[in-house]
Amino acid sequence: MKEKRSQGSRQKVQKKAAVRASITFPLALYSNLEEIAQEKKVSLAWVVRDASERYVAERSAEVPRPGKG
Protein backbone atom coordinates (compact mmCIF):
# COMPACT_ATOMS: atom_id res chain seq x y z
CA MET A 1 0.00 0.00 0.00
CA LYS A 2 1.34 3.46 -0.90
CA GLU A 3 1.73 6.11 1.75
CA LYS A 4 -0.45 9.15 1.35
CA ARG A 5 1.38 12.41 1.24
CA SER A 6 -0.12 15.38 2.97
CA GLN A 7 -2.10 17.65 0.71
CA GLY A 8 0.20 20.57 1.54
CA SER A 9 3.17 18.90 -0.09
CA ARG A 10 1.30 18.60 -3.39
CA GLN A 11 0.37 22.25 -3.59
CA LYS A 12 2.71 24.44 -5.58
CA VAL A 13 4.38 27.25 -3.71
CA GLN A 14 3.06 30.52 -5.03
CA LYS A 15 5.77 33.00 -5.92
CA LYS A 16 5.47 36.70 -6.53
CA ALA A 17 5.82 37.72 -10.16
CA ALA A 18 9.40 38.58 -11.02
CA VAL A 19 11.48 39.50 -14.04
CA ARG A 20 15.07 38.44 -14.59
CA ALA A 21 17.34 41.19 -15.91
CA SER A 22 20.88 41.26 -17.17
CA ILE A 23 22.74 44.40 -16.08
CA THR A 24 26.23 45.59 -16.94
CA PHE A 25 28.09 47.45 -14.18
CA PRO A 26 31.37 49.35 -14.29
CA LEU A 27 34.02 47.15 -12.66
CA ALA A 28 34.53 49.43 -9.63
CA LEU A 29 30.78 49.56 -8.88
CA TYR A 30 30.45 45.79 -9.25
CA SER A 31 33.36 45.26 -6.87
CA ASN A 32 31.76 47.55 -4.30
CA LEU A 33 28.43 45.73 -4.60
CA GLU A 34 30.15 42.36 -4.13
CA GLU A 35 31.93 43.68 -1.05
CA ILE A 36 28.66 44.91 0.45
CA ALA A 37 27.03 41.55 -0.23
CA GLN A 38 29.88 39.70 1.50
CA GLU A 39 29.76 42.04 4.51
CA LYS A 40 26.00 41.60 4.88
CA LYS A 41 26.20 37.87 4.10
CA VAL A 42 23.58 38.19 1.36
CA SER A 43 23.60 37.70 -2.39
CA LEU A 44 24.64 40.35 -4.86
CA ALA A 45 21.11 40.18 -6.28
CA TRP A 46 19.70 41.04 -2.84
CA VAL A 47 21.96 44.09 -2.59
CA VAL A 48 20.92 45.32 -6.04
CA ARG A 49 17.20 44.75 -5.31
CA ASP A 50 17.49 46.52 -1.95
CA ALA A 51 19.29 49.49 -3.49
CA SER A 52 16.75 49.67 -6.33
CA GLU A 53 13.79 49.59 -3.94
CA ARG A 54 15.35 52.37 -1.84
CA TYR A 55 16.03 54.47 -4.94
CA VAL A 56 12.47 54.12 -6.20
CA ALA A 57 11.01 54.93 -2.75
CA GLU A 58 13.23 58.00 -2.43
CA ARG A 59 12.37 59.16 -5.92
CA SER A 60 8.65 58.65 -5.32
CA ALA A 61 8.87 60.85 -2.24
CA GLU A 62 10.58 63.62 -4.22
CA VAL A 63 8.28 63.68 -7.26
CA PRO A 64 5.46 66.23 -6.80
CA ARG A 65 2.06 64.71 -7.34
CA PRO A 66 -0.49 66.39 -9.63
CA GLY A 67 -2.90 68.61 -7.68
CA LYS A 68 -0.78 68.46 -4.53
CA GLY A 69 1.66 71.19 -4.11
PDB file of N, CA and C in Angstrom:
ATOM      1  N   MET A   1       0.825  -1.172   0.000  1.00  0.00           N
ATOM      2  CA  MET A   1       0.000   0.000   0.000  1.00  0.00           C
ATOM      3  C   MET A   1       0.882   1.254   0.000  1.00  0.00           C
ATOM      4  N   LYS A   2       0.554   2.232  -0.823  1.00  0.00           N
ATOM      5  CA  LYS A   2       1.336   3.462  -0.900  1.00  0.00           C
ATOM      6  C   LYS A   2       0.968   4.397   0.239  1.00  0.00           C
ATOM      7  N   GLU A   3       1.987   5.122   0.717  1.00  0.00           N
ATOM      8  CA  GLU A   3       1.735   6.114   1.748  1.00  0.00           C
ATOM      9  C   GLU A   3       1.102   7.345   1.121  1.00  0.00           C
ATOM     10  N   LYS A   4       0.152   7.905   1.825  1.00  0.00           N
ATOM     11  CA  LYS A   4      -0.452   9.145   1.351  1.00  0.00           C
ATOM     12  C   LYS A   4       0.395  10.313   1.804  1.00  0.00           C
ATOM     13  N   ARG A   5       0.654  11.199   0.885  1.00  0.00           N
ATOM     14  CA  ARG A   5       1.375  12.412   1.242  1.00  0.00           C
ATOM     15  C   ARG A   5       0.360  13.453   1.681  1.00  0.00           C
ATOM     16  N   SER A   6       0.797  14.335   2.530  1.00  0.00           N
ATOM     17  CA  SER A   6      -0.123  15.384   2.966  1.00  0.00           C
ATOM     18  C   SER A   6      -0.456  16.277   1.785  1.00  0.00           C
ATOM     19  N   GLN A   7      -1.637  16.826   1.812  1.00  0.00           N
ATOM     20  CA  GLN A   7      -2.101  17.646   0.705  1.00  0.00           C
ATOM     21  C   GLN A   7      -1.209  18.876   0.524  1.00  0.00           C
ATOM     22  N   GLY A   8      -0.658  19.384   1.605  1.00  0.00           N
ATOM     23  CA  GLY A   8       0.198  20.565   1.537  1.00  0.00           C
ATOM     24  C   GLY A   8       1.431  20.352   0.690  1.00  0.00           C
ATOM     25  N   SER A   9       1.960  19.136   0.679  1.00  0.00           N
ATOM     26  CA  SER A   9       3.174  18.897  -0.092  1.00  0.00           C
ATOM     27  C   SER A   9       2.894  18.838  -1.587  1.00  0.00           C
ATOM     28  N   ARG A  10       1.647  18.642  -1.961  1.00  0.00           N
ATOM     29  CA  ARG A  10       1.296  18.601  -3.386  1.00  0.00           C
ATOM     30  C   ARG A  10       1.033  19.983  -3.961  1.00  0.00           C
ATOM     31  N   GLN A  11       0.692  20.918  -3.105  1.00  0.00           N
ATOM     32  CA  GLN A  11       0.375  22.250  -3.590  1.00  0.00           C
ATOM     33  C   GLN A  11       1.652  22.966  -3.997  1.00  0.00           C
ATOM     34  N   LYS A  12       1.559  23.671  -5.114  1.00  0.00           N
ATOM     35  CA  LYS A  12       2.707  24.436  -5.585  1.00  0.00           C
ATOM     36  C   LYS A  12       2.863  25.678  -4.715  1.00  0.00           C
ATOM     37  N   VAL A  13       4.102  26.039  -4.469  1.00  0.00           N
ATOM     38  CA  VAL A  13       4.381  27.252  -3.714  1.00  0.00           C
ATOM     39  C   VAL A  13       4.163  28.428  -4.643  1.00  0.00           C
ATOM     40  N   GLN A  14       3.329  29.359  -4.196  1.00  0.00           N
ATOM     41  CA  GLN A  14       3.064  30.523  -5.029  1.00  0.00           C
ATOM     42  C   GLN A  14       4.184  31.536  -4.837  1.00  0.00           C
ATOM     43  N   LYS A  15       4.708  32.015  -5.956  1.00  0.00           N
ATOM     44  CA  LYS A  15       5.773  33.002  -5.923  1.00  0.00           C
ATOM     45  C   LYS A  15       5.242  34.313  -6.469  1.00  0.00           C
ATOM     46  N   LYS A  16       5.823  35.396  -5.993  1.00  0.00           N
ATOM     47  CA  LYS A  16       5.474  36.698  -6.530  1.00  0.00           C
ATOM     48  C   LYS A  16       6.033  36.788  -7.950  1.00  0.00           C
ATOM     49  N   ALA A  17       5.345  37.534  -8.792  1.00  0.00           N
ATOM     50  CA  ALA A  17       5.820  37.718 -10.159  1.00  0.00           C
ATOM     51  C   ALA A  17       7.172  38.418 -10.124  1.00  0.00           C
ATOM     52  N   ALA A  18       8.072  37.986 -10.963  1.00  0.00           N
ATOM     53  CA  ALA A  18       9.404  38.581 -11.017  1.00  0.00           C
ATOM     54  C   ALA A  18       9.907  38.558 -12.448  1.00  0.00           C
ATOM     55  N   VAL A  19      10.850  39.423 -12.718  1.00  0.00           N
ATOM     56  CA  VAL A  19      11.477  39.503 -14.040  1.00  0.00           C
ATOM     57  C   VAL A  19      12.979  39.384 -13.837  1.00  0.00           C
ATOM     58  N   ARG A  20      13.605  38.574 -14.641  1.00  0.00           N
ATOM     59  CA  ARG A  20      15.066  38.443 -14.586  1.00  0.00           C
ATOM     60  C   ARG A  20      15.659  39.472 -15.547  1.00  0.00           C
ATOM     61  N   ALA A  21      16.702  40.169 -15.087  1.00  0.00           N
ATOM     62  CA  ALA A  21      17.338  41.193 -15.910  1.00  0.00           C
ATOM     63  C   ALA A  21      18.840  40.975 -15.937  1.00  0.00           C
ATOM     64  N   SER A  22      19.436  41.309 -17.041  1.00  0.00           N
ATOM     65  CA  SER A  22      20.884  41.264 -17.172  1.00  0.00           C
ATOM     66  C   SER A  22      21.379  42.708 -17.174  1.00  0.00           C
ATOM     67  N   ILE A  23      22.274  43.019 -16.252  1.00  0.00           N
ATOM     68  CA  ILE A  23      22.738  44.398 -16.085  1.00  0.00           C
ATOM     69  C   ILE A  23      24.262  44.425 -16.162  1.00  0.00           C
ATOM     70  N   THR A  24      24.797  45.404 -16.853  1.00  0.00           N
ATOM     71  CA  THR A  24      26.235  45.586 -16.939  1.00  0.00           C
ATOM     72  C   THR A  24      26.647  46.723 -16.017  1.00  0.00           C
ATOM     73  N   PHE A  25      27.600  46.454 -15.117  1.00  0.00           N
ATOM     74  CA  PHE A  25      28.093  47.450 -14.178  1.00  0.00           C
ATOM     75  C   PHE A  25      29.535  47.798 -14.515  1.00  0.00           C
ATOM     76  N   PRO A  26      29.936  49.040 -14.241  1.00  0.00           N
ATOM     77  CA  PRO A  26      31.367  49.346 -14.292  1.00  0.00           C
ATOM     78  C   PRO A  26      32.071  48.471 -13.248  1.00  0.00           C
ATOM     79  N   LEU A  27      33.298  48.074 -13.527  1.00  0.00           N
ATOM     80  CA  LEU A  27      34.015  47.146 -12.658  1.00  0.00           C
ATOM     81  C   LEU A  27      34.095  47.628 -11.208  1.00  0.00           C
ATOM     82  N   ALA A  28      34.389  48.908 -10.993  1.00  0.00           N
ATOM     83  CA  ALA A  28      34.528  49.432  -9.632  1.00  0.00           C
ATOM     84  C   ALA A  28      33.206  49.328  -8.873  1.00  0.00           C
ATOM     85  N   LEU A  29      32.096  49.645  -9.522  1.00  0.00           N
ATOM     86  CA  LEU A  29      30.783  49.555  -8.878  1.00  0.00           C
ATOM     87  C   LEU A  29      30.451  48.106  -8.546  1.00  0.00           C
ATOM     88  N   TYR A  30      30.706  47.211  -9.477  1.00  0.00           N
ATOM     89  CA  TYR A  30      30.447  45.786  -9.249  1.00  0.00           C
ATOM     90  C   TYR A  30      31.258  45.272  -8.056  1.00  0.00           C
ATOM     91  N   SER A  31      32.515  45.674  -7.980  1.00  0.00           N
ATOM     92  CA  SER A  31      33.362  45.256  -6.866  1.00  0.00           C
ATOM     93  C   SER A  31      32.810  45.755  -5.540  1.00  0.00           C
ATOM     94  N   ASN A  32      32.352  47.005  -5.516  1.00  0.00           N
ATOM     95  CA  ASN A  32      31.756  47.553  -4.296  1.00  0.00           C
ATOM     96  C   ASN A  32      30.490  46.806  -3.909  1.00  0.00           C
ATOM     97  N   LEU A  33      29.662  46.464  -4.882  1.00  0.00           N
ATOM     98  CA  LEU A  33      28.426  45.726  -4.602  1.00  0.00           C
ATOM     99  C   LEU A  33      28.734  44.330  -4.056  1.00  0.00           C
ATOM    100  N   GLU A  34      29.741  43.677  -4.632  1.00  0.00           N
ATOM    101  CA  GLU A  34      30.147  42.359  -4.132  1.00  0.00           C
ATOM    102  C   GLU A  34      30.647  42.445  -2.695  1.00  0.00           C
ATOM    103  N   GLU A  35      31.405  43.488  -2.405  1.00  0.00           N
ATOM    104  CA  GLU A  35      31.934  43.681  -1.051  1.00  0.00           C
ATOM    105  C   GLU A  35      30.791  43.888  -0.048  1.00  0.00           C
ATOM    106  N   ILE A  36      29.822  44.684  -0.417  1.00  0.00           N
ATOM    107  CA  ILE A  36      28.660  44.914   0.446  1.00  0.00           C
ATOM    108  C   ILE A  36      27.922  43.604   0.696  1.00  0.00           C
ATOM    109  N   ALA A  37      27.727  42.834  -0.359  1.00  0.00           N
ATOM    110  CA  ALA A  37      27.026  41.548  -0.231  1.00  0.00           C
ATOM    111  C   ALA A  37      27.774  40.621   0.727  1.00  0.00           C
ATOM    112  N   GLN A  38      29.087  40.558   0.612  1.00  0.00           N
ATOM    113  CA  GLN A  38      29.882  39.705   1.504  1.00  0.00           C
ATOM    114  C   GLN A  38      29.782  40.176   2.948  1.00  0.00           C
ATOM    115  N   GLU A  39      29.851  41.490   3.153  1.00  0.00           N
ATOM    116  CA  GLU A  39      29.764  42.040   4.510  1.00  0.00           C
ATOM    117  C   GLU A  39      28.416  41.725   5.158  1.00  0.00           C
ATOM    118  N   LYS A  40      27.351  41.835   4.355  1.00  0.00           N
ATOM    119  CA  LYS A  40      26.002  41.596   4.878  1.00  0.00           C
ATOM    120  C   LYS A  40      25.613  40.116   4.868  1.00  0.00           C
ATOM    121  N   LYS A  41      26.462  39.302   4.252  1.00  0.00           N
ATOM    122  CA  LYS A  41      26.199  37.866   4.097  1.00  0.00           C
ATOM    123  C   LYS A  41      24.881  37.616   3.356  1.00  0.00           C
ATOM    124  N   VAL A  42      24.727  38.346   2.245  1.00  0.00           N
ATOM    125  CA  VAL A  42      23.578  38.189   1.359  1.00  0.00           C
ATOM    126  C   VAL A  42      24.090  38.079  -0.073  1.00  0.00           C
ATOM    127  N   SER A  43      23.189  37.813  -0.992  1.00  0.00           N
ATOM    128  CA  SER A  43      23.596  37.705  -2.391  1.00  0.00           C
ATOM    129  C   SER A  43      23.747  39.084  -3.022  1.00  0.00           C
ATOM    130  N   LEU A  44      24.503  39.119  -4.097  1.00  0.00           N
ATOM    131  CA  LEU A  44      24.644  40.354  -4.865  1.00  0.00           C
ATOM    132  C   LEU A  44      23.276  40.799  -5.376  1.00  0.00           C
ATOM    133  N   ALA A  45      22.455  39.851  -5.795  1.00  0.00           N
ATOM    134  CA  ALA A  45      21.108  40.177  -6.282  1.00  0.00           C
ATOM    135  C   ALA A  45      20.297  40.877  -5.196  1.00  0.00           C
ATOM    136  N   TRP A  46      20.427  40.417  -3.940  1.00  0.00           N
ATOM    137  CA  TRP A  46      19.700  41.038  -2.838  1.00  0.00           C
ATOM    138  C   TRP A  46      20.130  42.487  -2.672  1.00  0.00           C
ATOM    139  N   VAL A  47      21.442  42.732  -2.739  1.00  0.00           N
ATOM    140  CA  VAL A  47      21.961  44.090  -2.586  1.00  0.00           C
ATOM    141  C   VAL A  47      21.410  44.996  -3.682  1.00  0.00           C
ATOM    142  N   VAL A  48      21.406  44.513  -4.916  1.00  0.00           N
ATOM    143  CA  VAL A  48      20.924  45.316  -6.041  1.00  0.00           C
ATOM    144  C   VAL A  48      19.423  45.581  -5.903  1.00  0.00           C
ATOM    145  N   ARG A  49      18.643  44.548  -5.513  1.00  0.00           N
ATOM    146  CA  ARG A  49      17.202  44.754  -5.315  1.00  0.00           C
ATOM    147  C   ARG A  49      16.943  45.755  -4.196  1.00  0.00           C
ATOM    148  N   ASP A  50      17.667  45.613  -3.083  1.00  0.00           N
ATOM    149  CA  ASP A  50      17.491  46.519  -1.951  1.00  0.00           C
ATOM    150  C   ASP A  50      17.793  47.956  -2.362  1.00  0.00           C
ATOM    151  N   ALA A  51      18.905  48.154  -3.049  1.00  0.00           N
ATOM    152  CA  ALA A  51      19.288  49.493  -3.491  1.00  0.00           C
ATOM    153  C   ALA A  51      18.257  50.065  -4.467  1.00  0.00           C
ATOM    154  N   SER A  52      17.753  49.227  -5.356  1.00  0.00           N
ATOM    155  CA  SER A  52      16.753  49.668  -6.326  1.00  0.00           C
ATOM    156  C   SER A  52      15.454  50.079  -5.640  1.00  0.00           C
ATOM    157  N   GLU A  53      15.018  49.262  -4.668  1.00  0.00           N
ATOM    158  CA  GLU A  53      13.792  49.588  -3.937  1.00  0.00           C
ATOM    159  C   GLU A  53      13.938  50.905  -3.180  1.00  0.00           C
ATOM    160  N   ARG A  54      15.109  51.118  -2.568  1.00  0.00           N
ATOM    161  CA  ARG A  54      15.350  52.366  -1.837  1.00  0.00           C
ATOM    162  C   ARG A  54      15.352  53.564  -2.795  1.00  0.00           C
ATOM    163  N   TYR A  55      15.969  53.397  -3.943  1.00  0.00           N
ATOM    164  CA  TYR A  55      16.032  54.474  -4.937  1.00  0.00           C
ATOM    165  C   TYR A  55      14.635  54.860  -5.405  1.00  0.00           C
ATOM    166  N   VAL A  56      13.828  53.857  -5.718  1.00  0.00           N
ATOM    167  CA  VAL A  56      12.469  54.118  -6.196  1.00  0.00           C
ATOM    168  C   VAL A  56      11.636  54.790  -5.100  1.00  0.00           C
ATOM    169  N   ALA A  57      11.756  54.327  -3.858  1.00  0.00           N
ATOM    170  CA  ALA A  57      11.010  54.927  -2.750  1.00  0.00           C
ATOM    171  C   ALA A  57      11.427  56.381  -2.546  1.00  0.00           C
ATOM    172  N   GLU A  58      12.728  56.639  -2.595  1.00  0.00           N
ATOM    173  CA  GLU A  58      13.230  57.999  -2.432  1.00  0.00           C
ATOM    174  C   GLU A  58      12.746  58.899  -3.561  1.00  0.00           C
ATOM    175  N   ARG A  59      12.809  58.387  -4.755  1.00  0.00           N
ATOM    176  CA  ARG A  59      12.372  59.159  -5.925  1.00  0.00           C
ATOM    177  C   ARG A  59      10.878  59.450  -5.864  1.00  0.00           C
ATOM    178  N   SER A  60      10.105  58.474  -5.433  1.00  0.00           N
ATOM    179  CA  SER A  60       8.654  58.653  -5.320  1.00  0.00           C
ATOM    180  C   SER A  60       8.321  59.739  -4.307  1.00  0.00           C
ATOM    181  N   ALA A  61       9.105  59.839  -3.254  1.00  0.00           N
ATOM    182  CA  ALA A  61       8.866  60.849  -2.236  1.00  0.00           C
ATOM    183  C   ALA A  61       9.218  62.244  -2.747  1.00  0.00           C
ATOM    184  N   GLU A  62      10.140  62.334  -3.691  1.00  0.00           N
ATOM    185  CA  GLU A  62      10.577  63.623  -4.220  1.00  0.00           C
ATOM    186  C   GLU A  62       9.699  64.148  -5.343  1.00  0.00           C
ATOM    187  N   VAL A  63       9.060  63.283  -6.090  1.00  0.00           N
ATOM    188  CA  VAL A  63       8.276  63.675  -7.261  1.00  0.00           C
ATOM    189  C   VAL A  63       6.964  64.316  -6.798  1.00  0.00           C
ATOM    190  N   PRO A  64       6.732  65.600  -7.170  1.00  0.00           N
ATOM    191  CA  PRO A  64       5.464  66.227  -6.803  1.00  0.00           C
ATOM    192  C   PRO A  64       4.298  65.550  -7.506  1.00  0.00           C
ATOM    193  N   ARG A  65       3.228  65.355  -6.769  1.00  0.00           N
ATOM    194  CA  ARG A  65       2.056  64.706  -7.339  1.00  0.00           C
ATOM    195  C   ARG A  65       1.091  65.744  -7.898  1.00  0.00           C
ATOM    196  N   PRO A  66       0.460  65.437  -9.017  1.00  0.00           N
ATOM    197  CA  PRO A  66      -0.487  66.386  -9.630  1.00  0.00           C
ATOM    198  C   PRO A  66      -1.581  66.789  -8.635  1.00  0.00           C
ATOM    199  N   GLY A  67      -1.842  68.116  -8.547  1.00  0.00           N
ATOM    200  CA  GLY A  67      -2.904  68.609  -7.684  1.00  0.00           C
ATOM    201  C   GLY A  67      -2.502  68.732  -6.234  1.00  0.00           C
ATOM    202  N   LYS A  68      -1.242  68.352  -5.926  1.00  0.00           N
ATOM    203  CA  LYS A  68      -0.778  68.462  -4.534  1.00  0.00           C
ATOM    204  C   LYS A  68       0.522  69.252  -4.510  1.00  0.00           C
ATOM    205  N   GLY A  69       0.415  70.511  -4.278  1.00  0.00           N
ATOM    206  CA  GLY A  69       1.659  71.190  -4.108  1.00  0.00           C
ATOM    207  C   GLY A  69       1.802  72.423  -4.874  1.00  0.00           C
TER     208      GLY A  69
END
